Amino acid sequence: MAKPRVRIISLGGVGEVGKNLTIIEYRNDMIMVDAGTKFPEDEMRGIDLIIPDISYVVERANKFRGILITHGHEDHIGGLPFLLPQLKKIAPVPIYGSALAIAMIRAKLEEMGVVDLADLRVVEPRTQYDICKQFTAEFISMTHSIPFANAVGIKTDLGWIMHTGDFKFDPTPPLGPPSDEARLREIGDEGVLVLLSDAVRVEREGHTPSEAVVSETLYRVIGEAEGRVVLTTFASNITRIDQTIRAAARHGRKVAVTGRSMEQSTRVSTELGYLEPPEDTMVDIDVAMKMPREKVLLITTGSQGEASAALARIASGEHHQIRLAKGDTVILSATPIPGNEESVYQTIDLLYRRGFKVIYSALEPTIHVSGHGSQDELKLMLRLVRPKFVIPIHGEYRHLRLYEELAVGMGYKSEHVMMPELGHVLTFGPHDCRQDGTVKSGAVLVDIISKNQVLLRHRDEVASSGVIIATLIVDRESGDLIAGPDLSAHGLNGQIDDKALKRAQESLTNFLKKRSKGGFSHGYLVSRTKNVLSREIHRQTQIRPLILPVISEL
């Protein structure tokens, strides 16, 4: 009889950046590490998010024992509200993570009305948790761009499985503990079977700068700014939010937070005591907008050019509360995630068109630093845990291949560095590793109609489930409608007639003519086009086809 082997399957996060999700199986137990989302590609403008296909897990739910969360970034927790309903028959699903990660998850699940599907469990570093018969988990403090990130050690009778999560070795983190090198070394002494390592910054030599560097840059650029300042970053980047609030306070500026996810993240972090703004610094957005411009800083969402985020609406002049004036400053304290570059730079272009001063990483390299380790840190992780086998994760294919070269350069045999692909089953015994087949994997497209209605569509089902394409041409500078909108229905099999399509077209035309002038955010216009059409078509037909806006600029 063949001896049992550890099985590791990446259902997301390899060969791509985002939707991180790893399955680990041994004997009759299965666990998941992280459950993230990914931004849609530019050609998928009608889609809100992408999540991993977990059909493999759903079909084996009787073996599933829980989810381990490394940290609270969207590409690691954002899929939970959409994945948990698929595991309803084994609910509540145990989810383990730091206090910050669990608080963020709770807020997301409550917002979507699915918190009862989860059994949320707060963990402490250096404490072992019996997840099930075959797996004992320990969370190890690591530094990242969000505080209280963790690597996860999973103990089996074949040795430890180490999942680094996203990490770097930052000796001076502004919030949270430093990386626990001592514990990593101890686990290495006990014997690590497999290391799954963050690989996304393997192209960079040396060491990633500390988050503390950003504090100095923020203090300087905020001090140099005239008029109102708007700063955007990831809503989950609590460290950056804290740095910004403190820099603003030192310059005598009040701070207001806007954007749903930013408000949620700030509230959660303040309740946990991780954010402690200087006294009398924080004000409501309504109060801030009545104050002298030079006395205010606004923190908002939209650093990735997201169509529905506050920054896109500010850039388009569509925000219902915030209006900027020429000479005001917008700071993007983030770099574009691969695939988001076009959306980000379109937003920056529009901000410039409106006469705002824009500060971003191409102009101020230390307005943001990466949360991922460079080559020296990846090597340090290998030296500390000394695994028998290695799997690079969290990166596009070139990152994974370059990590293999790095590991081989440190003395690992190439056959002991397993190159993962989505759905590939990598198995490990005490002395060998191999690929043993594949399982179903892929992308599921998330179309958020409202917080109470979410449509999940498998990528290969979109063409057959019905699509309405909206084509229009707008003036690049003014945003005025030049031609269209023209609507065409595909694959709906008579579910919508010409009359209903005409009414939807009229609704969209009326919206486009009423919207404010003076420039537009392409992504925001796409989002609003989708929402107007989806609402009107559903009102008439009770169906929710995929809406695909195709907007050209002249």
Protein backbone atom coordinates (compact mmCIF):
# COMPACT_ATOMS: atom_id res chain seq x y z
CA MET A 1 0.00 0.00 0.00
CA ALA A 2 1.39 3.40 -1.01
CA LYS A 3 2.37 5.68 1.85
CA PRO A 4 0.29 8.87 2.22
CA ARG A 5 1.76 12.01 0.68
CA VAL A 6 1.17 15.69 1.34
CA ARG A 7 -0.76 17.25 -1.55
CA ILE A 8 -0.44 20.98 -2.29
CA ILE A 9 -2.65 22.62 -4.92
CA SER A 10 -2.61 26.28 -5.94
CA LEU A 11 -6.08 27.41 -7.02
CA GLY A 12 -4.94 31.02 -7.28
CA GLY A 13 -1.91 33.27 -6.97
CA VAL A 14 0.57 31.43 -9.21
CA GLY A 15 1.33 32.68 -12.70
CA GLU A 16 -0.65 35.78 -11.69
CA VAL A 17 -0.77 38.48 -9.04
CA GLY A 18 -3.91 38.19 -6.93
CA LYS A 19 -6.63 35.74 -5.84
CA ASN A 20 -4.18 33.85 -3.63
CA LEU A 21 -5.52 30.49 -2.49
CA THR A 22 -3.61 27.32 -1.61
CA ILE A 23 -5.04 23.92 -0.72
CA ILE A 24 -3.07 21.54 1.50
CA GLU A 25 -4.20 17.92 1.94
CA TYR A 26 -2.85 15.04 3.96
CA ARG A 27 -4.59 11.72 4.50
CA ASN A 28 -8.27 12.60 5.06
CA ASP A 29 -7.89 16.28 5.97
CA MET A 30 -7.89 19.39 3.78
CA ILE A 31 -7.23 23.04 4.69
CA MET A 32 -7.01 26.29 2.75
CA VAL A 33 -4.47 29.09 3.14
CA ASP A 34 -5.89 32.49 2.13
CA ALA A 35 -8.84 33.22 -0.15
CA GLY A 36 -8.26 36.35 -2.19
CA THR A 37 -9.60 38.35 -5.10
CA LYS A 38 -8.00 39.78 -8.21
CA PHE A 39 -8.80 42.86 -10.25
CA PRO A 40 -10.28 42.12 -13.70
CA GLU A 41 -8.20 42.71 -16.80
CA ASP A 42 -8.95 45.82 -18.87
CA GLU A 43 -10.90 43.82 -21.46
CA MET A 44 -13.25 42.60 -18.68
CA ARG A 45 -14.65 45.99 -17.72
CA GLY A 46 -18.10 44.64 -16.91
CA ILE A 47 -16.73 42.46 -14.11
CA ASP A 48 -16.10 43.71 -10.55
CA LEU A 49 -13.74 41.05 -9.19
CA ILE A 50 -12.20 37.67 -9.98
CA ILE A 51 -12.03 34.83 -7.45
CA PRO A 52 -10.62 31.30 -7.64
CA ASP A 53 -12.75 28.37 -8.72
CA ILE A 54 -13.09 26.16 -5.62
CA SER A 55 -15.15 23.38 -7.23
CA TYR A 56 -12.49 20.89 -6.11
CA VAL A 57 -13.01 21.90 -2.46
CA VAL A 58 -16.81 21.99 -2.67
CA GLU A 59 -16.89 18.46 -4.07
CA ARG A 60 -14.77 17.25 -1.12
CA ALA A 61 -16.31 19.40 1.59
CA ASN A 62 -16.45 16.42 3.97
CA LYS A 63 -12.63 16.60 4.18
CA PHE A 64 -12.43 20.37 4.59
CA ARG A 65 -11.31 21.57 8.04
CA GLY A 66 -10.81 25.34 7.82
CA ILE A 67 -9.07 28.39 6.38
CA LEU A 68 -5.80 29.90 7.62
CA ILE A 69 -5.33 33.60 6.82
CA THR A 70 -1.85 35.12 6.59
CA HIS A 71 -2.98 38.79 6.57
CA GLY A 72 -5.81 41.16 5.74
CA HIS A 73 -5.10 42.33 2.19
CA GLU A 74 -7.88 41.92 -0.38
CA ASP A 75 -5.87 39.50 -2.50
CA HIS A 76 -5.80 37.20 0.53
CA ILE A 77 -9.22 37.70 2.19
CA GLY A 78 -11.41 39.39 -0.44
CA GLY A 79 -12.81 36.15 -1.83
CA LEU A 80 -14.31 34.96 1.46
CA PRO A 81 -17.76 36.61 1.11
CA PHE A 82 -18.18 34.86 -2.25
CA LEU A 83 -16.54 31.51 -1.43
CA LEU A 84 -18.19 30.79 1.92
CA PRO A 85 -21.71 30.46 0.46
CA GLN A 86 -20.34 27.66 -1.73
CA LEU A 87 -19.36 25.81 1.46
CA LYS A 88 -22.71 26.40 3.15
CA LYS A 89 -23.34 22.72 3.86
CA ILE A 90 -20.36 22.59 6.25
CA ALA A 91 -20.93 26.04 7.78
CA PRO A 92 -19.79 27.61 9.94
CA VAL A 93 -16.33 27.26 8.40
CA PRO A 94 -13.45 27.83 10.88
CA ILE A 95 -11.28 30.78 9.81
CA TYR A 96 -8.04 31.49 11.71
CA GLY A 97 -6.11 34.77 11.61
CA SER A 98 -4.70 37.69 13.56
CA ALA A 99 -7.05 40.04 15.41
CA LEU A 100 -6.70 42.62 12.62
CA ALA A 101 -7.30 40.14 9.80
CA ILE A 102 -10.30 38.60 11.57
CA ALA A 103 -11.82 42.03 12.30
CA MET A 104 -11.48 42.98 8.63
CA ILE A 105 -13.00 39.67 7.56
CA ARG A 106 -15.88 40.06 10.00
CA ALA A 107 -16.70 43.53 8.62
CA LYS A 108 -16.67 42.21 5.04
CA LEU A 109 -18.86 39.22 5.86
CA GLU A 110 -21.33 41.33 7.85
CA GLU A 111 -21.62 43.78 4.97
CA MET A 112 -22.50 40.94 2.58
CA GLY A 113 -24.79 39.21 5.09
CA VAL A 114 -22.79 35.96 5.31
CA VAL A 115 -21.02 36.27 8.67
CA ASP A 116 -23.02 33.32 10.05
CA LEU A 117 -21.23 31.06 7.57
CA ALA A 118 -17.89 31.62 9.36
CA ASP A 119 -16.49 30.59 12.72
CA LEU A 120 -13.94 33.37 13.18
CA ARG A 121 -11.01 32.50 15.45
CA VAL A 122 -8.31 34.98 16.53
CA VAL A 123 -4.82 33.51 16.86
CA GLU A 124 -1.65 34.61 18.62
CA PRO A 125 1.88 34.16 17.24
CA ARG A 126 4.02 31.36 18.66
CA THR A 127 0.92 29.41 19.72
CA GLN A 128 0.02 26.07 18.17
CA TYR A 129 -3.56 25.31 17.15
CA ASP A 130 -4.88 21.82 16.47
CA ILE A 131 -6.83 22.38 13.26
CA CYS A 132 -7.65 18.72 12.76
CA LYS A 133 -6.11 15.28 13.17
CA GLN A 134 -3.39 15.75 10.55
CA PHE A 135 -2.62 19.49 10.85
CA THR A 136 -1.40 21.66 13.70
CA ALA A 137 -0.90 25.31 12.75
CA GLU A 138 1.35 28.00 14.16
CA PHE A 139 1.36 31.65 13.11
CA ILE A 140 4.74 33.40 12.92
CA SER A 141 5.00 37.20 12.93
CA MET A 142 6.20 38.69 9.63
CA THR A 143 6.50 42.27 8.39
CA HIS A 144 4.56 43.41 5.34
CA SER A 145 2.78 46.60 4.26
CA ILE A 146 -0.05 45.71 6.64
CA PRO A 147 0.84 45.16 10.31
CA PHE A 148 0.38 41.85 12.10
CA ALA A 149 0.97 39.75 8.99
CA ASN A 150 1.97 36.14 9.57
CA ALA A 151 3.67 33.21 8.00
CA VAL A 152 1.86 29.97 8.75
CA GLY A 153 3.64 26.82 9.84
CA ILE A 154 1.59 23.65 9.39
CA LYS A 155 2.91 20.67 11.32
CA THR A 156 2.45 17.14 9.97
CA ASP A 157 4.07 13.82 10.77
CA LEU A 158 6.15 14.30 7.59
CA GLY A 159 7.53 17.64 8.82
CA TRP A 160 6.54 21.29 8.73
CA ILE A 161 4.90 22.95 5.74
CA MET A 162 5.84 26.65 5.81
CA HIS A 163 3.70 29.22 3.96
CA THR A 164 5.35 32.64 4.13
CA GLY A 165 2.35 34.72 3.15
CA ASP A 166 3.47 38.11 1.83
CA PHE A 167 6.59 39.18 3.69
CA LYS A 168 9.74 41.18 3.96
CA PHE A 169 12.27 41.51 6.77
CA ASP A 170 11.69 45.08 7.98
CA PRO A 171 13.81 45.84 11.05
CA THR A 172 11.87 49.02 11.90
CA PRO A 173 8.16 48.46 11.23
CA PRO A 174 6.10 51.52 12.26
CA LEU A 175 3.28 49.26 13.50
CA GLY A 176 3.36 45.68 14.73
CA PRO A 177 6.23 43.34 15.60
CA PRO A 178 9.25 42.63 13.39
CA SER A 179 9.62 39.33 11.57
CA ASP A 180 10.27 36.51 14.03
CA GLU A 181 13.55 35.22 12.65
CA ALA A 182 14.28 33.24 15.81
CA ARG A 183 11.09 31.18 15.54
CA LEU A 184 11.63 30.59 11.83
CA ARG A 185 15.08 29.24 12.63
CA GLU A 186 13.69 26.98 15.37
CA ILE A 187 11.12 25.52 13.00
CA GLY A 188 13.91 25.01 10.48
CA ASP A 189 15.79 23.04 13.13
CA GLU A 190 12.71 20.84 13.65
CA GLY A 191 12.56 20.00 9.95
CA VAL A 192 10.65 21.71 7.16
CA LEU A 193 9.33 19.49 4.39
CA VAL A 194 8.09 22.23 2.05
CA LEU A 195 8.44 26.01 1.90
CA LEU A 196 5.87 28.00 -0.08
CA SER A 197 7.51 31.38 -0.56
CA ASP A 198 6.36 34.81 -1.73
CA ALA A 199 8.25 35.43 -5.00
CA VAL A 200 6.77 38.60 -6.48
CA ARG A 201 9.81 40.85 -5.85
CA VAL A 202 12.49 38.34 -6.84
CA GLU A 203 13.59 40.59 -9.72
CA ARG A 204 14.95 43.17 -7.25
CA GLU A 205 18.42 42.78 -5.81
CA GLY A 206 19.26 43.64 -2.23
CA HIS A 207 16.78 44.45 0.51
CA THR A 208 13.37 46.15 0.32
CA PRO A 209 13.34 49.51 2.17
CA SER A 210 11.62 49.80 5.53
CA GLU A 211 8.12 51.24 5.81
CA ALA A 212 9.69 53.86 8.08
CA VAL A 213 11.22 55.54 5.00
CA VAL A 214 7.74 56.50 3.81
CA SER A 215 7.06 58.50 6.98
CA GLU A 216 9.83 60.94 6.13
CA THR A 217 8.65 61.38 2.54
CA LEU A 218 5.03 61.88 3.56
CA TYR A 219 6.01 64.53 6.10
CA ARG A 220 7.99 66.43 3.46
CA VAL A 221 5.47 66.32 0.60
CA ILE A 222 2.52 67.19 2.84
CA GLY A 223 4.52 70.12 4.20
CA GLU A 224 5.24 71.34 0.67
CA ALA A 225 1.62 71.05 -0.47
CA GLU A 226 -0.56 74.10 -0.96
CA GLY A 227 -4.31 73.93 -0.65
CA ARG A 228 -6.22 70.76 0.08
CA VAL A 229 -4.40 67.39 0.05
CA VAL A 230 -5.96 64.08 -0.94
CA LEU A 231 -3.98 60.88 -0.31
CA THR A 232 -5.00 57.49 -1.63
CA THR A 233 -3.62 54.12 -0.64
CA PHE A 234 -4.90 50.59 -0.09
CA ALA A 235 -7.68 50.64 2.49
CA SER A 236 -6.02 47.74 4.29
CA ASN A 237 -2.65 49.53 4.54
CA ILE A 238 -3.09 50.52 8.17
CA THR A 239 0.57 51.47 8.48
CA ARG A 240 0.29 54.01 5.66
CA ILE A 241 -2.93 55.45 7.07
CA ASP A 242 -1.25 55.90 10.46
CA GLN A 243 1.82 57.52 8.88
CA THR A 244 -0.36 59.92 6.91
CA ILE A 245 -2.48 60.97 9.88
CA ARG A 246 0.61 61.69 11.98
CA ALA A 247 2.35 63.65 9.21
CA ALA A 248 -0.78 65.73 8.61
CA ALA A 249 -1.17 66.46 12.33
CA ARG A 250 2.43 67.67 12.56
CA HIS A 251 1.63 70.19 9.82
CA GLY A 252 -1.54 71.35 11.54
CA ARG A 253 -3.95 69.67 9.14
CA LYS A 254 -7.17 67.96 10.16
CA VAL A 255 -7.80 64.56 8.59
CA ALA A 256 -10.99 63.08 7.16
CA VAL A 257 -11.42 59.57 5.78
CA THR A 258 -13.73 58.79 2.86
CA GLY A 259 -14.53 55.73 0.76
CA ARG A 260 -16.49 52.78 2.13
CA SER A 261 -13.60 50.35 2.53
CA MET A 262 -11.27 53.06 3.90
CA GLU A 263 -13.83 54.09 6.51
CA GLN A 264 -14.38 50.44 7.44
CA SER A 265 -10.66 49.70 7.72
CA THR A 266 -9.97 52.81 9.79
CA ARG A 267 -12.86 52.08 12.14
CA VAL A 268 -11.76 48.48 12.70
CA SER A 269 -8.13 49.45 13.33
CA THR A 270 -9.09 52.21 15.75
CA GLU A 271 -11.36 49.87 17.71
CA LEU A 272 -8.47 47.40 18.04
CA GLY A 273 -6.12 50.17 19.22
CA TYR A 274 -3.78 49.90 16.23
CA LEU A 275 -4.68 53.39 15.00
CA GLU A 276 -4.33 56.10 17.65
CA PRO A 277 -4.66 59.47 15.89
CA PRO A 278 -3.37 62.53 17.76
CA GLU A 279 -6.13 64.22 19.74
CA ASP A 280 -8.57 66.40 17.75
CA THR A 281 -7.01 65.42 14.41
CA MET A 282 -9.88 63.45 12.87
CA VAL A 283 -13.00 65.18 11.53
CA ASP A 284 -15.98 64.12 9.46
CA ILE A 285 -15.79 64.71 5.71
CA ASP A 286 -18.61 67.30 5.86
CA VAL A 287 -16.66 69.32 8.42
CA ALA A 288 -13.42 69.01 6.45
CA MET A 289 -14.98 70.40 3.27
CA LYS A 290 -15.97 73.60 5.13
CA MET A 291 -12.49 74.20 6.55
CA PRO A 292 -9.70 76.29 4.95
CA ARG A 293 -8.13 74.22 2.18
CA GLU A 294 -4.62 74.40 3.62
CA LYS A 295 -5.86 72.94 6.92
CA VAL A 296 -7.24 69.67 5.56
CA LEU A 297 -6.01 66.28 4.34
CA LEU A 298 -8.39 63.64 3.01
CA ILE A 299 -7.54 59.92 2.93
CA THR A 300 -9.48 57.97 0.35
CA THR A 301 -9.70 54.84 -1.77
CA GLY A 302 -8.79 54.41 -5.44
CA SER A 303 -5.02 53.91 -5.59
CA GLN A 304 -5.47 51.23 -8.28
CA GLY A 305 -7.73 53.31 -10.54
CA GLU A 306 -10.78 51.31 -9.43
CA ALA A 307 -13.83 52.54 -11.28
CA SER A 308 -16.12 52.77 -8.28
CA ALA A 309 -13.58 54.11 -5.78
CA ALA A 310 -13.63 57.64 -4.40
CA LEU A 311 -10.55 58.89 -6.29
CA ALA A 312 -12.04 58.05 -9.70
CA ARG A 313 -15.19 59.96 -8.77
CA ILE A 314 -13.14 62.91 -7.50
CA ALA A 315 -11.13 62.95 -10.74
CA SER A 316 -14.36 62.91 -12.76
CA GLY A 317 -15.98 65.63 -10.69
CA GLU A 318 -18.68 63.11 -9.73
CA HIS A 319 -17.99 62.79 -6.00
CA HIS A 320 -21.04 63.92 -4.04
CA GLN A 321 -18.98 65.47 -1.23
CA ILE A 322 -15.48 66.27 -2.44
CA ARG A 323 -14.54 69.02 -4.88
CA LEU A 324 -10.92 69.95 -5.50
CA ALA A 325 -9.56 73.17 -6.98
CA LYS A 326 -6.58 73.92 -9.18
CA GLY A 327 -3.40 73.72 -7.16
CA ASP A 328 -4.71 71.11 -4.72
CA THR A 329 -2.46 68.06 -4.28
CA VAL A 330 -3.29 64.40 -4.84
CA ILE A 331 -0.84 61.80 -3.47
CA LEU A 332 -0.93 58.18 -4.66
CA SER A 333 0.88 56.23 -1.94
CA ALA A 334 0.84 52.91 -3.79
CA THR A 335 2.22 51.42 -6.99
CA PRO A 336 0.00 49.84 -9.64
CA ILE A 337 -0.63 46.13 -9.28
CA PRO A 338 0.35 44.36 -12.53
CA GLY A 339 -2.61 44.69 -14.89
CA ASN A 340 -3.86 47.93 -13.30
CA GLU A 341 -1.33 50.27 -14.88
CA GLU A 342 -3.67 51.62 -17.56
CA SER A 343 -6.45 52.43 -15.09
CA VAL A 344 -4.05 54.13 -12.68
CA TYR A 345 -2.39 56.29 -15.32
CA GLN A 346 -5.74 57.25 -16.85
CA THR A 347 -6.76 58.53 -13.43
CA ILE A 348 -3.47 60.41 -13.04
CA ASP A 349 -3.92 61.98 -16.49
CA LEU A 350 -7.40 63.18 -15.57
CA LEU A 351 -6.16 64.65 -12.29
CA TYR A 352 -3.54 66.61 -14.24
CA ARG A 353 -6.19 67.78 -16.73
CA ARG A 354 -8.14 69.26 -13.84
CA GLY A 355 -5.13 71.27 -12.73
CA PHE A 356 -4.21 69.31 -9.63
CA LYS A 357 -0.67 68.59 -8.50
CA VAL A 358 -0.13 64.82 -8.51
CA ILE A 359 2.54 62.95 -6.56
CA TYR A 360 3.13 59.26 -7.32
CA SER A 361 5.93 56.73 -7.18
CA ALA A 362 7.48 57.60 -10.56
CA LEU A 363 8.12 61.11 -9.21
CA GLU A 364 8.67 60.27 -5.53
CA PRO A 365 10.01 56.70 -5.28
CA THR A 366 9.68 56.58 -1.49
CA ILE A 367 6.08 57.80 -1.36
CA HIS A 368 5.47 54.05 -1.30
CA VAL A 369 7.69 51.06 -0.61
CA SER A 370 6.91 47.45 -1.38
CA GLY A 371 5.72 45.07 1.28
CA HIS A 372 7.48 42.17 -0.43
CA GLY A 373 11.00 40.95 0.16
CA SER A 374 13.74 41.39 -2.42
CA GLN A 375 16.41 38.80 -3.24
CA ASP A 376 18.36 39.10 0.01
CA GLU A 377 15.20 38.55 2.06
CA LEU A 378 14.10 35.57 -0.03
CA LYS A 379 17.53 34.05 0.53
CA LEU A 380 17.33 34.76 4.26
CA MET A 381 14.01 32.91 4.47
CA LEU A 382 15.57 29.89 2.77
CA ARG A 383 18.55 29.98 5.14
CA LEU A 384 16.32 30.21 8.19
CA VAL A 385 13.86 27.39 7.46
CA ARG A 386 16.09 25.13 5.29
CA PRO A 387 13.26 23.21 3.58
CA LYS A 388 13.74 19.95 1.70
CA PHE A 389 11.51 21.22 -1.12
CA VAL A 390 10.44 24.67 -2.29
CA ILE A 391 7.40 26.07 -4.11
CA PRO A 392 7.49 29.72 -5.24
CA ILE A 393 4.04 31.34 -5.05
CA HIS A 394 2.49 34.80 -5.33
CA GLY A 395 3.89 35.91 -8.65
CA GLU A 396 3.61 35.84 -12.39
CA TYR A 397 5.39 33.05 -14.22
CA ARG A 398 8.65 34.98 -14.63
CA HIS A 399 8.78 35.55 -10.86
CA LEU A 400 8.35 31.85 -10.19
CA ARG A 401 11.04 30.91 -12.68
CA LEU A 402 13.47 33.53 -11.33
CA TYR A 403 12.85 32.26 -7.81
CA GLU A 404 13.78 28.77 -9.00
CA GLU A 405 17.08 30.20 -10.30
CA LEU A 406 17.66 31.94 -6.96
CA ALA A 407 17.06 28.72 -5.00
CA VAL A 408 19.28 26.69 -7.32
CA GLY A 409 21.96 29.33 -6.82
CA MET A 410 21.76 28.60 -3.10
CA GLY A 411 22.39 24.90 -3.64
CA TYR A 412 18.92 23.44 -4.19
CA LYS A 413 18.47 20.90 -6.94
CA SER A 414 16.16 22.19 -9.66
CA GLU A 415 13.96 19.10 -9.28
CA HIS A 416 13.40 20.07 -5.63
CA VAL A 417 12.00 23.48 -6.61
CA MET A 418 8.49 22.73 -7.83
CA MET A 419 7.05 25.13 -10.40
CA PRO A 420 3.33 25.45 -9.62
CA GLU A 421 0.54 25.93 -12.13
CA LEU A 422 -3.10 26.55 -11.31
CA GLY A 423 -4.74 23.22 -10.53
CA HIS A 424 -1.54 21.16 -10.57
CA VAL A 425 -1.34 18.64 -7.73
CA LEU A 426 2.15 18.68 -6.20
CA THR A 427 2.78 15.79 -3.82
CA PHE A 428 5.53 15.28 -1.26
CA GLY A 429 6.92 12.29 0.58
CA PRO A 430 9.78 12.24 3.08
CA HIS A 431 12.40 12.19 0.33
CA ASP A 432 10.76 13.08 -2.98
CA CYS A 433 8.35 15.42 -4.74
CA ARG A 434 6.41 15.18 -7.98
CA GLN A 435 3.35 16.36 -9.85
CA ASP A 436 0.42 13.95 -9.62
CA GLY A 437 -2.19 15.15 -12.07
CA THR A 438 -4.45 18.19 -12.07
CA VAL A 439 -7.78 19.31 -10.61
CA LYS A 440 -10.39 21.76 -11.84
CA SER A 441 -9.25 25.36 -11.43
CA GLY A 442 -9.72 28.71 -13.07
CA ALA A 443 -11.39 32.07 -12.65
CA VAL A 444 -14.87 32.90 -11.43
CA LEU A 445 -16.11 36.36 -12.40
CA VAL A 446 -17.91 38.35 -9.72
CA ASP A 447 -20.63 40.76 -10.81
CA ILE A 448 -21.79 42.72 -7.75
CA ILE A 449 -25.31 44.02 -8.37
CA SER A 450 -25.77 45.10 -4.75
CA LYS A 451 -24.60 43.89 -1.35
CA ASN A 452 -27.62 41.58 -1.38
CA GLN A 453 -27.18 40.27 -4.93
CA VAL A 454 -23.95 38.90 -6.36
CA LEU A 455 -23.66 36.93 -9.57
CA LEU A 456 -20.81 34.44 -9.99
CA ARG A 457 -19.99 33.46 -13.57
CA HIS A 458 -17.33 31.00 -14.66
CA ARG A 459 -15.19 32.53 -17.36
CA ASP A 460 -16.12 29.86 -19.91
CA GLU A 461 -19.85 30.36 -19.21
CA VAL A 462 -20.00 34.10 -19.93
CA ALA A 463 -20.45 33.80 -23.69
CA SER A 464 -23.33 31.35 -23.32
CA SER A 465 -25.13 33.13 -20.45
CA GLY A 466 -25.93 36.34 -22.30
CA VAL A 467 -24.09 39.61 -22.80
CA ILE A 468 -25.20 43.13 -23.64
CA ILE A 469 -22.49 45.23 -25.26
CA ALA A 470 -22.78 49.01 -24.90
CA THR A 471 -20.67 50.96 -27.39
CA LEU A 472 -20.14 54.71 -27.14
CA ILE A 473 -17.62 57.38 -28.10
CA VAL A 474 -16.79 60.30 -25.81
CA ASP A 475 -14.58 63.36 -26.06
CA ARG A 476 -11.26 62.60 -24.35
CA GLU A 477 -11.04 65.99 -22.64
CA SER A 478 -14.61 67.03 -21.88
CA GLY A 479 -16.28 63.65 -21.52
CA ASP A 480 -19.08 64.80 -23.86
CA LEU A 481 -20.92 62.08 -25.74
CA ILE A 482 -19.91 62.08 -29.43
CA ALA A 483 -21.64 58.95 -30.68
CA GLY A 484 -23.85 56.22 -29.26
CA PRO A 485 -24.70 54.64 -27.01
CA ASP A 486 -25.44 51.61 -29.18
CA LEU A 487 -26.63 48.44 -27.45
CA SER A 488 -26.44 44.90 -28.83
CA ALA A 489 -27.64 41.72 -27.12
CA HIS A 490 -25.87 38.38 -27.54
CA GLY A 491 -26.85 34.92 -26.30
CA LEU A 492 -30.07 36.02 -24.58
CA ASN A 493 -32.37 33.84 -26.71
CA GLY A 494 -35.23 36.31 -26.90
CA GLN A 495 -35.24 37.22 -23.20
CA ILE A 496 -35.01 40.91 -24.11
CA ASP A 497 -36.84 42.53 -27.03
CA ASP A 498 -35.98 45.59 -29.10
CA LYS A 499 -38.37 47.76 -27.11
CA ALA A 500 -36.69 46.98 -23.79
CA LEU A 501 -33.26 47.48 -25.34
CA LYS A 502 -34.38 50.87 -26.67
CA ARG A 503 -35.58 51.97 -23.24
CA ALA A 504 -32.29 50.92 -21.69
CA GLN A 505 -30.46 52.90 -24.36
CA GLU A 506 -32.56 55.98 -23.56
CA SER A 507 -31.81 55.68 -19.84
CA LEU A 508 -28.10 55.51 -20.53
CA THR A 509 -28.27 58.46 -22.94
CA ASN A 510 -30.06 60.58 -20.33
CA PHE A 511 -27.44 59.72 -17.73
CA LEU A 512 -24.56 60.55 -20.06
CA LYS A 513 -26.06 63.93 -20.95
CA LYS A 514 -26.66 64.87 -17.31
CA ARG A 515 -23.26 63.88 -15.92
CA SER A 516 -20.82 66.68 -15.03
CA LYS A 517 -18.47 68.10 -17.62
CA GLY A 518 -14.76 68.80 -17.50
CA GLY A 519 -13.15 65.41 -17.98
CA PHE A 520 -13.91 61.87 -16.89
CA SER A 521 -12.39 58.76 -15.45
CA HIS A 522 -12.66 55.98 -18.01
CA GLY A 523 -13.12 53.36 -15.31
CA TYR A 524 -15.78 55.36 -13.50
CA LEU A 525 -17.72 55.90 -16.72
CA VAL A 526 -17.55 52.16 -17.42
CA SER A 527 -18.85 51.41 -13.93
CA ARG A 528 -21.74 53.86 -14.17
CA THR A 529 -22.68 52.66 -17.66
CA LYS A 530 -22.86 49.12 -16.34
CA ASN A 531 -24.96 50.12 -13.33
CA VAL A 532 -27.45 52.22 -15.31
CA LEU A 533 -28.03 49.48 -17.88
CA SER A 534 -28.15 46.64 -15.37
CA ARG A 535 -30.77 48.42 -13.28
CA GLU A 536 -32.96 49.36 -16.27
CA ILE A 537 -32.76 45.95 -17.99
CA HIS A 538 -33.61 44.14 -14.78
CA ARG A 539 -36.56 46.48 -14.17
CA GLN A 540 -38.00 45.57 -17.54
CA THR A 541 -37.06 41.91 -17.94
CA GLN A 542 -36.08 40.54 -14.47
CA ILE A 543 -32.82 39.18 -15.94
CA ARG A 544 -29.22 40.16 -15.12
CA PRO A 545 -27.06 39.64 -18.21
CA LEU A 546 -23.41 40.62 -18.17
CA ILE A 547 -23.04 44.25 -19.26
CA LEU A 548 -19.88 44.91 -21.26
CA PRO A 549 -19.23 48.64 -21.87
CA VAL A 550 -16.91 49.45 -24.79
CA ILE A 551 -15.97 53.13 -24.53
CA SER A 552 -13.72 54.83 -27.07
CA GLU A 553 -12.16 58.27 -26.64
CA LEU A 554 -11.53 60.87 -29.34
